[in-house]
Amino acid sequence: MLINGFDSSEQDIDLFWLGGSWILFINAVERFKRKVYSRILEEKNKHGKVIEFILLIEHNKKIRIQFIFGRADANISFILYTFDLDIVQVGYDGKAIISVS
């Protein structure tokens, strides 16, 4: 239980791309961009490895999604501990859900 209310305005969804090529990464981001084009409020390329979108989802509610081109040798533990989530750290590797406890 939180004593003070939780401010989720700076939270985001981080999607890591591991082990694939830069071209495949950019192609996947471009497919996402085409699907949500009408909802994109802002797009940023941060440090050449993070592409961030701010989307309008409904009635002035926004969501921040970051596509991160990660190191091929990064393990799941490293990735989960780098998330900036305050309460929970969860990952999905395409087969299983993994969490930090």
Protein backbone atom coordinates (compact mmCIF):
# COMPACT_ATOMS: atom_id res chain seq x y z
CA MET A 1 0.00 0.00 0.00
CA LEU A 2 1.24 3.43 -0.85
CA ILE A 3 0.94 6.27 1.64
CA ASN A 4 0.87 8.86 -1.13
CA GLY A 5 -0.81 8.43 -4.47
CA PHE A 6 1.28 6.95 -7.27
CA ASP A 7 2.21 9.36 -10.07
CA SER A 8 2.29 7.32 -13.26
CA SER A 9 2.74 10.31 -15.59
CA GLU A 10 6.46 9.61 -16.13
CA GLN A 11 6.15 5.83 -16.50
CA ASP A 12 6.62 4.14 -19.85
CA ILE A 13 6.65 0.81 -21.61
CA ASP A 14 10.14 -0.38 -22.56
CA LEU A 15 10.43 -2.88 -25.42
CA PHE A 16 13.94 -4.33 -25.83
CA TRP A 17 15.15 -5.70 -29.17
CA LEU A 18 17.87 -8.27 -28.53
CA GLY A 19 20.03 -10.24 -30.91
CA GLY A 20 18.51 -8.99 -34.15
CA SER A 21 19.97 -6.64 -36.69
CA TRP A 22 19.52 -2.87 -36.68
CA ILE A 23 17.62 -3.09 -39.98
CA LEU A 24 15.12 -5.60 -38.55
CA PHE A 25 14.72 -3.39 -35.48
CA ILE A 26 13.97 -0.30 -37.59
CA ASN A 27 11.56 -2.29 -39.78
CA ALA A 28 9.65 -3.45 -36.67
CA VAL A 29 9.47 0.11 -35.32
CA GLU A 30 8.24 1.37 -38.70
CA ARG A 31 5.47 -1.29 -38.74
CA PHE A 32 4.39 -0.15 -35.27
CA LYS A 33 4.49 3.47 -36.40
CA ARG A 34 2.24 2.78 -39.40
CA LYS A 35 -0.31 1.00 -37.20
CA VAL A 36 -0.58 3.79 -34.61
CA TYR A 37 0.15 6.78 -36.88
CA SER A 38 -3.04 8.68 -36.03
CA ARG A 39 -2.31 8.45 -32.28
CA ILE A 40 1.32 9.64 -32.31
CA LEU A 41 1.74 12.96 -30.50
CA GLU A 42 5.52 12.94 -30.41
CA GLU A 43 8.44 10.84 -31.66
CA LYS A 44 12.04 11.05 -30.46
CA ASN A 45 15.24 9.23 -31.31
CA LYS A 46 17.34 9.15 -28.15
CA HIS A 47 21.05 8.44 -28.42
CA GLY A 48 20.57 6.50 -31.66
CA LYS A 49 19.42 3.38 -29.79
CA VAL A 50 16.05 4.32 -28.28
CA ILE A 51 13.05 5.38 -30.32
CA GLU A 52 10.29 6.83 -28.18
CA PHE A 53 6.67 7.50 -29.02
CA ILE A 54 4.08 9.36 -26.99
CA LEU A 55 0.64 8.19 -28.00
CA LEU A 56 -2.81 9.54 -27.26
CA ILE A 57 -4.86 6.55 -26.17
CA GLU A 58 -8.18 8.10 -25.11
CA HIS A 59 -9.62 11.34 -23.75
CA ASN A 60 -6.30 13.12 -23.11
CA LYS A 61 -4.61 10.00 -21.69
CA LYS A 62 -1.11 9.48 -23.00
CA ILE A 63 1.28 6.55 -22.98
CA ARG A 64 5.04 6.59 -23.61
CA ILE A 65 6.52 3.60 -25.46
CA GLN A 66 10.26 3.14 -25.91
CA PHE A 67 11.77 0.73 -28.41
CA ILE A 68 15.31 -0.03 -27.25
CA PHE A 69 17.97 -1.60 -29.45
CA GLY A 70 19.74 -3.73 -26.85
CA ARG A 71 23.00 -5.59 -26.69
CA ALA A 72 22.82 -9.12 -28.05
CA ASP A 73 24.64 -10.44 -24.96
CA ALA A 74 22.29 -8.81 -22.39
CA ASN A 75 20.65 -11.34 -20.10
CA ILE A 76 17.11 -11.10 -18.76
CA SER A 77 18.27 -10.15 -15.25
CA PHE A 78 20.25 -7.18 -16.57
CA ILE A 79 17.27 -6.00 -18.61
CA LEU A 80 14.72 -6.27 -15.79
CA TYR A 81 16.94 -4.45 -13.32
CA THR A 82 17.44 -1.54 -15.76
CA PHE A 83 13.71 -0.81 -15.99
CA ASP A 84 12.57 2.38 -14.35
CA LEU A 85 9.37 0.93 -12.92
CA ASP A 86 8.76 1.73 -9.28
CA ILE A 87 6.77 -1.30 -8.19
CA VAL A 88 7.19 -4.30 -10.49
CA GLN A 89 9.62 -5.55 -13.09
CA VAL A 90 8.25 -8.12 -15.53
CA GLY A 91 9.48 -9.41 -18.87
CA TYR A 92 8.20 -11.68 -21.62
CA ASP A 93 10.73 -13.40 -23.85
CA GLY A 94 8.24 -14.76 -26.38
CA LYS A 95 7.80 -18.00 -24.43
CA ALA A 96 7.63 -17.25 -20.71
CA ILE A 97 6.87 -14.42 -18.29
CA ILE A 98 9.83 -13.59 -16.05
CA SER A 99 9.69 -11.34 -12.98
CA VAL A 100 12.05 -9.88 -10.44
CA SER A 101 11.11 -10.76 -6.87
